[in-house]
N, C-alpha and C. Protein backbone atom coordinates (compact mmCIF):
# COMPACT_ATOMS: atom_id res chain seq x y z
N MET A 1 39.28 -9.78 7.65
CA MET A 1 39.63 -8.93 8.78
C MET A 1 41.14 -8.99 8.98
N SER A 2 41.79 -7.83 9.06
CA SER A 2 43.26 -7.83 9.18
C SER A 2 43.70 -8.24 10.57
N ALA A 3 44.89 -8.86 10.64
CA ALA A 3 45.43 -9.30 11.93
C ALA A 3 45.81 -8.08 12.76
N PRO A 4 45.69 -8.18 14.10
CA PRO A 4 46.06 -7.04 14.94
C PRO A 4 47.56 -6.75 14.81
N LEU A 5 47.91 -5.50 14.98
CA LEU A 5 49.32 -5.13 14.91
C LEU A 5 50.08 -5.74 16.08
N PRO A 6 51.34 -6.15 15.85
CA PRO A 6 52.11 -6.72 16.96
C PRO A 6 52.39 -5.67 18.03
N ILE A 7 52.58 -6.14 19.25
CA ILE A 7 52.96 -5.25 20.35
C ILE A 7 54.44 -4.91 20.19
N LYS A 8 54.75 -3.62 20.09
CA LYS A 8 56.15 -3.21 19.94
C LYS A 8 56.79 -3.04 21.32
N VAL A 9 57.89 -3.76 21.52
CA VAL A 9 58.55 -3.77 22.83
C VAL A 9 60.00 -3.31 22.70
N LEU A 10 60.42 -2.46 23.64
CA LEU A 10 61.81 -2.03 23.73
C LEU A 10 62.36 -2.57 25.06
N ILE A 11 63.52 -3.20 25.02
CA ILE A 11 64.13 -3.79 26.21
C ILE A 11 65.32 -2.94 26.65
N CYS A 12 65.37 -2.64 27.95
CA CYS A 12 66.48 -1.84 28.47
C CYS A 12 67.03 -2.49 29.73
N ASP A 13 68.25 -3.03 29.61
CA ASP A 13 68.93 -3.66 30.74
C ASP A 13 70.42 -3.58 30.49
N ASP A 14 71.20 -3.24 31.52
CA ASP A 14 72.64 -3.06 31.30
C ASP A 14 73.42 -4.37 31.34
N HIS A 15 72.75 -5.48 31.61
CA HIS A 15 73.43 -6.79 31.59
C HIS A 15 73.12 -7.48 30.26
N PRO A 16 74.12 -7.68 29.40
CA PRO A 16 73.89 -8.27 28.08
C PRO A 16 73.17 -9.61 28.12
N LEU A 17 73.51 -10.45 29.09
CA LEU A 17 72.88 -11.78 29.16
C LEU A 17 71.39 -11.66 29.45
N VAL A 18 71.04 -10.77 30.35
CA VAL A 18 69.63 -10.57 30.68
C VAL A 18 68.90 -9.97 29.47
N ARG A 19 69.52 -8.95 28.91
CA ARG A 19 68.91 -8.24 27.77
C ARG A 19 68.64 -9.19 26.61
N GLU A 20 69.65 -9.94 26.24
CA GLU A 20 69.50 -10.85 25.10
C GLU A 20 68.63 -12.05 25.44
N GLY A 21 68.66 -12.45 26.71
CA GLY A 21 67.80 -13.57 27.14
C GLY A 21 66.33 -13.22 27.01
N ILE A 22 65.99 -12.00 27.44
CA ILE A 22 64.60 -11.56 27.33
C ILE A 22 64.22 -11.39 25.86
N ARG A 23 65.13 -10.82 25.08
CA ARG A 23 64.85 -10.66 23.65
C ARG A 23 64.56 -12.01 23.00
N ALA A 24 65.38 -13.01 23.33
CA ALA A 24 65.20 -14.35 22.75
C ALA A 24 63.84 -14.94 23.11
N VAL A 25 63.42 -14.73 24.36
CA VAL A 25 62.11 -15.23 24.80
C VAL A 25 60.98 -14.52 24.05
N VAL A 26 61.05 -13.19 24.04
CA VAL A 26 59.97 -12.39 23.45
C VAL A 26 59.84 -12.63 21.95
N GLU A 27 60.97 -12.78 21.27
CA GLU A 27 60.94 -12.92 19.82
C GLU A 27 60.36 -14.24 19.33
N THR A 28 60.12 -15.18 20.24
CA THR A 28 59.49 -16.44 19.82
C THR A 28 57.97 -16.29 19.67
N PHE A 29 57.45 -15.14 20.06
CA PHE A 29 56.00 -14.90 19.97
C PHE A 29 55.70 -13.97 18.80
N ASP A 30 54.85 -14.45 17.90
CA ASP A 30 54.55 -13.70 16.68
C ASP A 30 53.84 -12.37 16.93
N HIS A 31 53.09 -12.27 18.03
CA HIS A 31 52.30 -11.06 18.26
C HIS A 31 53.10 -9.97 19.00
N ILE A 32 54.39 -10.22 19.24
CA ILE A 32 55.24 -9.22 19.89
C ILE A 32 56.47 -8.98 19.02
N ARG A 33 56.82 -7.71 18.84
CA ARG A 33 58.01 -7.39 18.03
C ARG A 33 58.96 -6.53 18.85
N VAL A 34 60.20 -6.99 18.97
CA VAL A 34 61.23 -6.23 19.69
C VAL A 34 61.80 -5.17 18.75
N VAL A 35 61.67 -3.90 19.14
CA VAL A 35 62.16 -2.82 18.28
C VAL A 35 63.57 -2.38 18.67
N GLY A 36 64.08 -2.92 19.77
CA GLY A 36 65.44 -2.60 20.17
C GLY A 36 65.74 -3.14 21.56
N ALA A 37 67.04 -3.30 21.84
CA ALA A 37 67.49 -3.74 23.16
C ALA A 37 68.75 -2.94 23.49
N VAL A 38 68.66 -2.11 24.51
CA VAL A 38 69.75 -1.18 24.83
C VAL A 38 70.15 -1.29 26.30
N ARG A 39 71.29 -0.64 26.66
CA ARG A 39 71.85 -0.83 28.00
C ARG A 39 71.59 0.34 28.95
N SER A 40 71.09 1.47 28.46
CA SER A 40 70.87 2.60 29.36
C SER A 40 69.52 3.25 29.10
N ALA A 41 69.03 3.94 30.12
CA ALA A 41 67.72 4.60 30.01
C ALA A 41 67.74 5.71 28.97
N LEU A 42 68.84 6.43 28.88
CA LEU A 42 68.93 7.52 27.90
C LEU A 42 68.90 6.98 26.47
N ALA A 43 69.61 5.85 26.26
CA ALA A 43 69.57 5.21 24.93
C ALA A 43 68.16 4.71 24.64
N ALA A 44 67.48 4.20 25.67
CA ALA A 44 66.11 3.70 25.49
C ALA A 44 65.18 4.84 25.12
N LEU A 45 65.36 5.98 25.78
CA LEU A 45 64.50 7.13 25.50
C LEU A 45 64.70 7.63 24.06
N GLU A 46 65.95 7.68 23.64
CA GLU A 46 66.26 8.14 22.29
C GLU A 46 65.65 7.22 21.24
N LEU A 47 65.81 5.90 21.46
CA LEU A 47 65.27 4.93 20.51
C LEU A 47 63.74 4.94 20.54
N ALA A 48 63.20 5.08 21.74
CA ALA A 48 61.73 5.08 21.87
C ALA A 48 61.10 6.26 21.14
N GLU A 49 61.79 7.40 21.15
CA GLU A 49 61.25 8.57 20.45
C GLU A 49 61.20 8.36 18.93
N ALA A 50 62.04 7.44 18.44
CA ALA A 50 62.03 7.11 17.01
C ALA A 50 61.06 5.98 16.70
N GLU A 51 60.98 4.99 17.60
CA GLU A 51 60.21 3.77 17.32
C GLU A 51 58.80 3.75 17.92
N HIS A 52 58.56 4.58 18.92
CA HIS A 52 57.27 4.62 19.63
C HIS A 52 56.78 3.22 20.04
N PRO A 53 57.55 2.55 20.91
CA PRO A 53 57.12 1.22 21.36
C PRO A 53 55.86 1.30 22.22
N ASP A 54 55.11 0.22 22.25
CA ASP A 54 53.93 0.14 23.12
C ASP A 54 54.36 -0.06 24.56
N VAL A 55 55.40 -0.87 24.73
CA VAL A 55 55.88 -1.22 26.07
C VAL A 55 57.40 -1.10 26.13
N VAL A 56 57.90 -0.49 27.20
CA VAL A 56 59.34 -0.51 27.47
C VAL A 56 59.56 -1.38 28.71
N LEU A 57 60.34 -2.42 28.53
CA LEU A 57 60.68 -3.33 29.62
C LEU A 57 62.01 -2.83 30.16
N MET A 58 62.02 -2.23 31.36
CA MET A 58 63.20 -1.51 31.82
C MET A 58 63.67 -1.95 33.20
N ASP A 59 64.97 -2.21 33.28
CA ASP A 59 65.61 -2.54 34.56
C ASP A 59 65.58 -1.30 35.46
N ILE A 60 65.60 -1.52 36.77
CA ILE A 60 65.60 -0.39 37.70
C ILE A 60 67.02 0.14 37.90
N ASN A 61 67.98 -0.78 38.05
CA ASN A 61 69.37 -0.37 38.29
C ASN A 61 70.11 -0.24 36.96
N LEU A 62 70.23 1.01 36.50
CA LEU A 62 70.86 1.28 35.21
C LEU A 62 71.98 2.32 35.37
N PRO A 63 72.96 2.32 34.44
CA PRO A 63 73.99 3.36 34.49
C PRO A 63 73.41 4.72 34.12
N GLU A 64 74.10 5.77 34.46
CA GLU A 64 73.72 7.17 34.17
C GLU A 64 72.50 7.59 34.99
N ILE A 65 71.31 7.21 34.57
CA ILE A 65 70.14 7.50 35.40
C ILE A 65 69.39 6.19 35.63
N SER A 66 68.80 6.07 36.80
CA SER A 66 68.12 4.81 37.15
C SER A 66 66.82 4.67 36.38
N GLY A 67 66.34 3.43 36.35
CA GLY A 67 65.06 3.17 35.70
C GLY A 67 63.92 3.95 36.35
N LEU A 68 64.00 4.11 37.68
CA LEU A 68 62.95 4.85 38.40
C LEU A 68 62.92 6.30 37.95
N ASP A 69 64.11 6.92 37.85
CA ASP A 69 64.16 8.32 37.40
C ASP A 69 63.72 8.44 35.94
N ALA A 70 64.03 7.41 35.16
CA ALA A 70 63.68 7.45 33.73
C ALA A 70 62.18 7.38 33.49
N ILE A 71 61.44 6.79 34.43
CA ILE A 71 59.98 6.67 34.24
C ILE A 71 59.38 8.04 33.95
N GLU A 72 59.79 9.03 34.74
CA GLU A 72 59.20 10.37 34.59
C GLU A 72 59.55 10.99 33.24
N LEU A 73 60.77 10.72 32.76
CA LEU A 73 61.16 11.23 31.44
C LEU A 73 60.29 10.62 30.35
N PHE A 74 60.06 9.33 30.45
CA PHE A 74 59.19 8.65 29.48
C PHE A 74 57.76 9.19 29.56
N ARG A 75 57.27 9.40 30.78
CA ARG A 75 55.90 9.88 30.94
C ARG A 75 55.74 11.26 30.31
N GLU A 76 56.78 12.09 30.42
CA GLU A 76 56.72 13.44 29.85
C GLU A 76 56.77 13.41 28.32
N ARG A 77 57.72 12.63 27.79
CA ARG A 77 57.97 12.68 26.35
C ARG A 77 57.15 11.69 25.54
N LEU A 78 56.84 10.55 26.15
CA LEU A 78 56.10 9.50 25.43
C LEU A 78 54.97 8.97 26.32
N PRO A 79 53.96 9.80 26.55
CA PRO A 79 52.91 9.42 27.50
C PRO A 79 52.13 8.16 27.12
N ARG A 80 52.15 7.78 25.83
CA ARG A 80 51.40 6.58 25.43
C ARG A 80 52.19 5.29 25.62
N THR A 81 53.49 5.41 25.78
CA THR A 81 54.32 4.23 25.99
C THR A 81 54.17 3.75 27.43
N ARG A 82 53.97 2.46 27.60
CA ARG A 82 53.75 1.89 28.93
C ARG A 82 55.08 1.36 29.48
N LEU A 83 55.33 1.61 30.76
CA LEU A 83 56.59 1.19 31.39
C LEU A 83 56.37 -0.05 32.26
N LEU A 84 57.14 -1.09 31.97
CA LEU A 84 57.10 -2.32 32.76
C LEU A 84 58.48 -2.49 33.37
N MET A 85 58.56 -2.37 34.69
CA MET A 85 59.85 -2.38 35.36
C MET A 85 60.30 -3.82 35.65
N LEU A 86 61.60 -4.02 35.48
CA LEU A 86 62.24 -5.31 35.72
C LEU A 86 63.19 -5.15 36.89
N SER A 87 63.20 -6.08 37.82
CA SER A 87 64.15 -5.95 38.92
C SER A 87 64.43 -7.30 39.56
N MET A 88 65.59 -7.37 40.21
CA MET A 88 65.91 -8.56 41.02
C MET A 88 65.35 -8.38 42.42
N HIS A 89 64.87 -7.17 42.74
CA HIS A 89 64.49 -6.85 44.12
C HIS A 89 62.98 -6.70 44.29
N ASP A 90 62.43 -7.39 45.31
CA ASP A 90 61.02 -7.18 45.64
C ASP A 90 60.93 -6.17 46.79
N ASN A 91 61.75 -5.11 46.66
CA ASN A 91 61.82 -4.05 47.66
C ASN A 91 60.55 -3.21 47.60
N ARG A 92 59.86 -3.08 48.73
CA ARG A 92 58.56 -2.42 48.73
C ARG A 92 58.65 -0.96 48.30
N GLU A 93 59.73 -0.29 48.74
CA GLU A 93 59.86 1.13 48.38
C GLU A 93 60.13 1.29 46.88
N TYR A 94 60.96 0.41 46.31
CA TYR A 94 61.19 0.43 44.85
C TYR A 94 59.87 0.30 44.11
N ILE A 95 59.09 -0.68 44.54
CA ILE A 95 57.83 -0.98 43.85
C ILE A 95 56.88 0.22 43.95
N SER A 96 56.74 0.74 45.17
CA SER A 96 55.84 1.88 45.38
C SER A 96 56.28 3.09 44.58
N THR A 97 57.60 3.34 44.57
CA THR A 97 58.12 4.49 43.84
C THR A 97 57.87 4.34 42.34
N ALA A 98 58.07 3.11 41.82
CA ALA A 98 57.84 2.86 40.40
C ALA A 98 56.38 3.15 40.04
N VAL A 99 55.47 2.68 40.87
CA VAL A 99 54.04 2.89 40.61
C VAL A 99 53.69 4.37 40.70
N LEU A 100 54.23 5.03 41.72
CA LEU A 100 53.96 6.46 41.90
C LEU A 100 54.42 7.26 40.70
N HIS A 101 55.58 6.93 40.17
CA HIS A 101 56.13 7.68 39.03
C HIS A 101 55.40 7.39 37.73
N GLY A 102 54.62 6.30 37.70
CA GLY A 102 53.82 6.05 36.51
C GLY A 102 54.08 4.75 35.79
N ALA A 103 54.82 3.82 36.42
CA ALA A 103 55.04 2.51 35.79
C ALA A 103 53.72 1.73 35.79
N ALA A 104 53.51 0.94 34.74
CA ALA A 104 52.27 0.16 34.63
C ALA A 104 52.43 -1.22 35.25
N GLY A 105 53.67 -1.63 35.50
CA GLY A 105 53.87 -2.95 36.07
C GLY A 105 55.28 -3.11 36.62
N TYR A 106 55.48 -4.20 37.37
CA TYR A 106 56.76 -4.45 38.01
C TYR A 106 56.90 -5.97 38.11
N ILE A 107 57.92 -6.52 37.45
CA ILE A 107 58.11 -7.96 37.52
C ILE A 107 59.55 -8.28 37.94
N LEU A 108 59.70 -9.40 38.59
CA LEU A 108 61.03 -9.83 39.03
C LEU A 108 61.72 -10.61 37.91
N LYS A 109 63.06 -10.51 37.88
CA LYS A 109 63.81 -11.11 36.78
C LYS A 109 63.77 -12.64 36.79
N ASP A 110 63.42 -13.22 37.92
CA ASP A 110 63.42 -14.69 37.98
C ASP A 110 62.06 -15.30 37.65
N VAL A 111 61.13 -14.50 37.10
CA VAL A 111 59.82 -15.07 36.74
C VAL A 111 59.97 -15.96 35.50
N PRO A 112 59.08 -16.93 35.32
CA PRO A 112 59.14 -17.79 34.12
C PRO A 112 58.90 -16.95 32.86
N PRO A 113 59.44 -17.38 31.72
CA PRO A 113 59.25 -16.64 30.46
C PRO A 113 57.80 -16.33 30.14
N ALA A 114 56.91 -17.29 30.42
CA ALA A 114 55.48 -17.07 30.11
C ALA A 114 54.93 -15.88 30.88
N GLU A 115 55.47 -15.63 32.08
CA GLU A 115 54.96 -14.52 32.88
C GLU A 115 55.42 -13.17 32.31
N ILE A 116 56.60 -13.15 31.72
CA ILE A 116 57.07 -11.92 31.05
C ILE A 116 56.11 -11.56 29.92
N ILE A 117 55.70 -12.57 29.16
CA ILE A 117 54.77 -12.35 28.04
C ILE A 117 53.42 -11.87 28.57
N SER A 118 52.94 -12.50 29.64
CA SER A 118 51.65 -12.09 30.24
C SER A 118 51.71 -10.64 30.69
N ALA A 119 52.86 -10.26 31.27
CA ALA A 119 53.02 -8.89 31.77
C ALA A 119 53.01 -7.89 30.60
N ILE A 120 53.73 -8.22 29.54
CA ILE A 120 53.77 -7.35 28.35
C ILE A 120 52.36 -7.18 27.78
N GLU A 121 51.64 -8.29 27.66
CA GLU A 121 50.27 -8.24 27.11
C GLU A 121 49.36 -7.38 27.98
N ALA A 122 49.49 -7.54 29.29
CA ALA A 122 48.61 -6.81 30.22
C ALA A 122 48.85 -5.30 30.15
N VAL A 123 50.11 -4.88 30.19
CA VAL A 123 50.36 -3.43 30.20
C VAL A 123 50.11 -2.82 28.82
N ALA A 124 50.33 -3.60 27.75
CA ALA A 124 50.05 -3.10 26.40
C ALA A 124 48.56 -2.85 26.21
N ALA A 125 47.75 -3.59 26.95
CA ALA A 125 46.28 -3.44 26.86
C ALA A 125 45.77 -2.41 27.87
N ASN A 126 46.70 -1.53 28.32
CA ASN A 126 46.37 -0.47 29.29
C ASN A 126 46.02 -0.99 30.67
N GLY A 127 46.44 -2.21 30.95
CA GLY A 127 46.25 -2.75 32.29
C GLY A 127 47.54 -2.58 33.10
N SER A 128 47.62 -3.30 34.21
CA SER A 128 48.84 -3.28 35.01
C SER A 128 49.20 -4.72 35.35
N TYR A 129 50.46 -4.93 35.73
CA TYR A 129 50.87 -6.30 36.04
C TYR A 129 51.97 -6.27 37.10
N PHE A 130 51.78 -7.07 38.14
CA PHE A 130 52.79 -7.21 39.19
C PHE A 130 53.01 -8.69 39.43
N SER A 131 54.26 -9.13 39.35
CA SER A 131 54.51 -10.56 39.55
C SER A 131 54.23 -10.95 41.00
N SER A 132 54.03 -12.23 41.24
CA SER A 132 53.55 -12.69 42.55
C SER A 132 54.46 -12.25 43.69
N GLY A 133 55.77 -12.30 43.50
CA GLY A 133 56.69 -11.87 44.55
C GLY A 133 56.51 -10.41 44.89
N VAL A 134 56.17 -9.61 43.90
CA VAL A 134 55.96 -8.18 44.09
C VAL A 134 54.69 -7.93 44.90
N THR A 135 53.64 -8.64 44.55
CA THR A 135 52.37 -8.48 45.27
C THR A 135 52.55 -8.84 46.74
N GLU A 136 53.31 -9.90 47.01
CA GLU A 136 53.56 -10.30 48.40
C GLU A 136 54.32 -9.21 49.16
N ALA A 137 55.29 -8.59 48.47
CA ALA A 137 56.06 -7.51 49.12
C ALA A 137 55.15 -6.34 49.47
N LEU A 138 54.22 -6.02 48.57
CA LEU A 138 53.30 -4.91 48.82
C LEU A 138 52.35 -5.22 49.97
N LEU A 139 52.02 -6.50 50.13
CA LEU A 139 51.04 -6.87 51.14
C LEU A 139 51.66 -7.31 52.46
N GLU A 140 52.98 -7.18 52.59
CA GLU A 140 53.63 -7.59 53.84
C GLU A 140 53.10 -6.76 54.99
N LYS A 141 53.24 -7.29 56.21
CA LYS A 141 52.73 -6.66 57.43
C LYS A 141 51.20 -6.66 57.45
N GLY A 142 50.61 -7.49 56.56
CA GLY A 142 49.16 -7.66 56.61
C GLY A 142 48.36 -6.46 56.16
N GLN A 143 48.99 -5.51 55.47
CA GLN A 143 48.25 -4.35 55.02
C GLN A 143 47.39 -4.71 53.81
N LYS A 144 46.28 -4.05 53.70
CA LYS A 144 45.47 -4.21 52.50
C LYS A 144 46.12 -3.41 51.38
N GLN A 145 46.06 -3.92 50.18
CA GLN A 145 46.70 -3.22 49.07
C GLN A 145 46.12 -1.82 48.89
N SER A 146 44.83 -1.66 49.13
CA SER A 146 44.21 -0.36 48.94
C SER A 146 44.72 0.68 49.93
N ALA A 147 45.30 0.19 51.05
CA ALA A 147 45.77 1.11 52.08
C ALA A 147 47.21 1.56 51.82
N ILE A 148 47.84 0.99 50.82
CA ILE A 148 49.24 1.30 50.56
C ILE A 148 49.36 2.60 49.77
N VAL A 149 50.10 3.53 50.32
CA VAL A 149 50.36 4.77 49.60
C VAL A 149 51.87 4.86 49.40
N PRO A 150 52.31 5.09 48.17
CA PRO A 150 53.74 5.05 47.88
C PRO A 150 54.49 6.30 48.34
N LEU A 151 54.59 6.48 49.64
CA LEU A 151 55.41 7.57 50.17
C LEU A 151 56.85 7.08 50.29
N THR A 152 57.79 7.96 50.05
CA THR A 152 59.20 7.60 50.24
C THR A 152 59.46 7.50 51.75
N THR A 153 60.60 6.92 52.11
CA THR A 153 60.97 6.79 53.53
C THR A 153 61.02 8.16 54.19
N ARG A 154 61.60 9.14 53.51
CA ARG A 154 61.69 10.49 54.09
C ARG A 154 60.31 11.12 54.25
N GLU A 155 59.44 10.92 53.25
CA GLU A 155 58.08 11.46 53.35
C GLU A 155 57.33 10.84 54.53
N GLN A 156 57.54 9.53 54.76
CA GLN A 156 56.90 8.87 55.90
C GLN A 156 57.36 9.49 57.20
N ALA A 157 58.67 9.78 57.29
CA ALA A 157 59.21 10.39 58.50
C ALA A 157 58.59 11.78 58.73
N VAL A 158 58.50 12.57 57.65
CA VAL A 158 57.89 13.90 57.73
C VAL A 158 56.43 13.78 58.15
N LEU A 159 55.71 12.85 57.54
CA LEU A 159 54.30 12.65 57.84
C LEU A 159 54.08 12.35 59.33
N LEU A 160 54.90 11.46 59.88
CA LEU A 160 54.73 11.08 61.29
C LEU A 160 54.95 12.27 62.21
N LEU A 161 55.97 13.08 61.91
CA LEU A 161 56.25 14.25 62.75
C LEU A 161 55.15 15.30 62.63
N LEU A 162 54.66 15.52 61.42
CA LEU A 162 53.56 16.47 61.22
C LEU A 162 52.31 16.01 61.96
N ALA A 163 52.06 14.71 61.90
CA ALA A 163 50.87 14.15 62.54
C ALA A 163 50.94 14.29 64.06
N GLN A 164 52.16 14.41 64.58
CA GLN A 164 52.34 14.60 66.03
C GLN A 164 52.22 16.08 66.42
N GLY A 165 51.88 16.92 65.42
CA GLY A 165 51.64 18.33 65.70
C GLY A 165 52.87 19.22 65.59
N GLN A 166 53.98 18.69 65.06
CA GLN A 166 55.19 19.50 64.95
C GLN A 166 55.09 20.47 63.78
N SER A 167 55.69 21.64 63.93
CA SER A 167 55.70 22.64 62.87
C SER A 167 56.74 22.27 61.81
N ASN A 168 56.66 22.94 60.66
CA ASN A 168 57.67 22.71 59.61
C ASN A 168 59.08 22.92 60.16
N LYS A 169 59.24 23.97 60.98
CA LYS A 169 60.56 24.28 61.55
C LYS A 169 61.03 23.16 62.48
N ASP A 170 60.11 22.63 63.30
CA ASP A 170 60.44 21.53 64.21
C ASP A 170 60.88 20.30 63.41
N VAL A 171 60.11 20.00 62.36
CA VAL A 171 60.41 18.82 61.52
C VAL A 171 61.78 18.98 60.85
N ALA A 172 62.04 20.20 60.36
CA ALA A 172 63.33 20.48 59.71
C ALA A 172 64.47 20.22 60.68
N GLY A 173 64.31 20.69 61.92
CA GLY A 173 65.36 20.48 62.93
C GLY A 173 65.54 19.01 63.28
N GLU A 174 64.43 18.31 63.41
CA GLU A 174 64.47 16.89 63.78
C GLU A 174 65.16 16.04 62.71
N LEU A 175 64.88 16.35 61.43
CA LEU A 175 65.40 15.53 60.33
C LEU A 175 66.66 16.13 59.69
N ASP A 176 67.09 17.27 60.20
CA ASP A 176 68.29 17.94 59.69
C ASP A 176 68.17 18.27 58.20
N ILE A 177 67.02 18.85 57.85
CA ILE A 177 66.79 19.30 56.47
C ILE A 177 66.25 20.74 56.54
N SER A 178 66.17 21.42 55.41
CA SER A 178 65.71 22.80 55.42
C SER A 178 64.18 22.88 55.54
N VAL A 179 63.72 24.03 56.02
CA VAL A 179 62.27 24.24 56.14
C VAL A 179 61.61 24.15 54.77
N ARG A 180 62.30 24.67 53.75
CA ARG A 180 61.75 24.60 52.38
C ARG A 180 61.56 23.15 51.94
N THR A 181 62.53 22.29 52.27
CA THR A 181 62.43 20.87 51.93
C THR A 181 61.23 20.23 52.63
N VAL A 182 61.03 20.60 53.89
CA VAL A 182 59.87 20.08 54.63
C VAL A 182 58.58 20.53 53.95
N GLU A 183 58.53 21.79 53.54
CA GLU A 183 57.33 22.31 52.86
C GLU A 183 57.04 21.54 51.57
N THR A 184 58.12 21.22 50.85
CA THR A 184 57.97 20.44 49.61
C THR A 184 57.43 19.05 49.91
N HIS A 185 58.03 18.39 50.93
CA HIS A 185 57.56 17.06 51.32
C HIS A 185 56.10 17.12 51.75
N ARG A 186 55.76 18.14 52.53
CA ARG A 186 54.40 18.29 53.04
C ARG A 186 53.39 18.41 51.89
N LYS A 187 53.76 19.23 50.90
CA LYS A 187 52.90 19.42 49.72
C LYS A 187 52.74 18.10 48.96
N ASN A 188 53.85 17.37 48.77
CA ASN A 188 53.81 16.08 48.04
C ASN A 188 52.97 15.05 48.79
N ILE A 189 53.14 15.03 50.12
CA ILE A 189 52.40 14.06 50.93
C ILE A 189 50.89 14.33 50.81
N LYS A 190 50.50 15.60 50.94
CA LYS A 190 49.07 15.94 50.84
C LYS A 190 48.51 15.59 49.47
N LYS A 191 49.33 15.82 48.43
CA LYS A 191 48.88 15.51 47.07
C LYS A 191 48.71 14.00 46.89
N LYS A 192 49.70 13.22 47.35
CA LYS A 192 49.64 11.76 47.19
C LYS A 192 48.48 11.15 47.96
N LEU A 193 48.26 11.67 49.18
CA LEU A 193 47.21 11.09 50.02
C LEU A 193 45.84 11.69 49.75
N GLY A 194 45.83 12.82 49.02
CA GLY A 194 44.56 13.48 48.77
C GLY A 194 43.97 14.10 50.02
N ILE A 195 44.87 14.55 50.92
CA ILE A 195 44.44 15.12 52.20
C ILE A 195 44.94 16.56 52.29
N GLY A 196 44.05 17.49 52.64
CA GLY A 196 44.43 18.90 52.60
C GLY A 196 44.78 19.53 53.93
N THR A 197 44.49 18.84 55.05
CA THR A 197 44.72 19.46 56.36
C THR A 197 45.64 18.60 57.22
N THR A 198 46.26 19.26 58.21
CA THR A 198 47.12 18.53 59.15
C THR A 198 46.29 17.55 59.98
N ALA A 199 45.07 17.97 60.34
CA ALA A 199 44.18 17.07 61.10
C ALA A 199 43.89 15.81 60.29
N GLY A 200 43.71 16.00 58.97
CA GLY A 200 43.46 14.85 58.09
C GLY A 200 44.66 13.92 58.03
N LEU A 201 45.86 14.51 58.01
CA LEU A 201 47.09 13.70 58.00
C LEU A 201 47.19 12.89 59.29
N THR A 202 46.86 13.54 60.41
CA THR A 202 46.92 12.85 61.71
C THR A 202 45.96 11.67 61.73
N ARG A 203 44.74 11.92 61.23
CA ARG A 203 43.73 10.85 61.19
C ARG A 203 44.21 9.69 60.31
N TYR A 204 44.85 10.03 59.16
CA TYR A 204 45.36 9.00 58.25
C TYR A 204 46.39 8.12 58.97
N VAL A 205 47.31 8.76 59.69
CA VAL A 205 48.37 8.03 60.40
C VAL A 205 47.76 7.10 61.45
N ILE A 206 46.78 7.60 62.20
CA ILE A 206 46.13 6.78 63.23
C ILE A 206 45.36 5.62 62.61
N ASP A 207 44.57 5.95 61.56
CA ASP A 207 43.75 4.92 60.89
C ASP A 207 44.58 3.80 60.32
N HIS A 208 45.80 4.13 59.84
CA HIS A 208 46.64 3.13 59.20
C HIS A 208 47.69 2.52 60.14
N GLY A 209 47.57 2.82 61.42
CA GLY A 209 48.46 2.21 62.40
C GLY A 209 49.92 2.54 62.19
N LEU A 210 50.20 3.79 61.77
CA LEU A 210 51.58 4.16 61.46
C LEU A 210 52.31 4.81 62.63
N MET A 211 51.59 5.12 63.72
CA MET A 211 52.24 5.76 64.86
C MET A 211 53.27 4.81 65.47
N ALA A 212 54.38 5.35 65.93
CA ALA A 212 55.43 4.54 66.57
C ALA A 212 54.81 3.76 67.71
N GLY A 213 55.20 2.49 67.80
CA GLY A 213 54.70 1.66 68.87
C GLY A 213 53.52 0.80 68.44
N ASP A 214 52.91 1.11 67.29
CA ASP A 214 51.80 0.28 66.78
C ASP A 214 52.33 -1.00 66.18
C-alpha cells in the first residue's frame, strides 16, 4: 500500500523571522511539504496557482492587500485550497470576518509548534481549527458559539437601527452613509443571518440580547 501524499503547505507572512520560523518547524515533519514561503498575499496567490497547495498558512496583516481580503481571492481561484489564518490578535471581529470569508481556521502566532501542525492537519482533512485563545475570544460575554454571527461592526449598527423600525433613509442619515450602502448592508445581513423579514431581524436582535442597554 503506497504512503499517503504529503500535505502541501504554502506560508505567507511579511516578517522573515516568523516566515522562516514556521517553515523550520513544519519541515521537520515528513508528512508535510512546504511548497513556498512568501511575504505578500499576491505572491502567495501566484505561487499557489502553480503549486496547488492543500493549505495556505497566511498572516492577516500583510502589505498590498490584507490576508482577510485575500481569502476571497483564494476562494474564487483555488476553491480546494484551505486557508489557515495566522495572527497576533485574538480580535473577535478579525476572527469572525476570516470565518465569514471562508477561512478554515485561525491560530495565534504564539501557539506551540505542535499546535501549528495540528491545525494544518485538521484543515487539510477538510476540518476547521481555532487555537484556544481564539475560541475564548469568540465565546467572550458568555455567548454560545452557535449564536455568533460574523457581522461587521457597521452591519451590527445597521441591524440594530433596522430592528428599531427605522427606514433605510433613517439609517443612512443616522450613520452618515448613502441609502444604497444601507440597502447593501441590509441584504448582506439578511443573507448571513438567513432571515428574510424586518420582523425576523427584530426578533433575532431581541433573542440575542443585542438591544442597547442589555
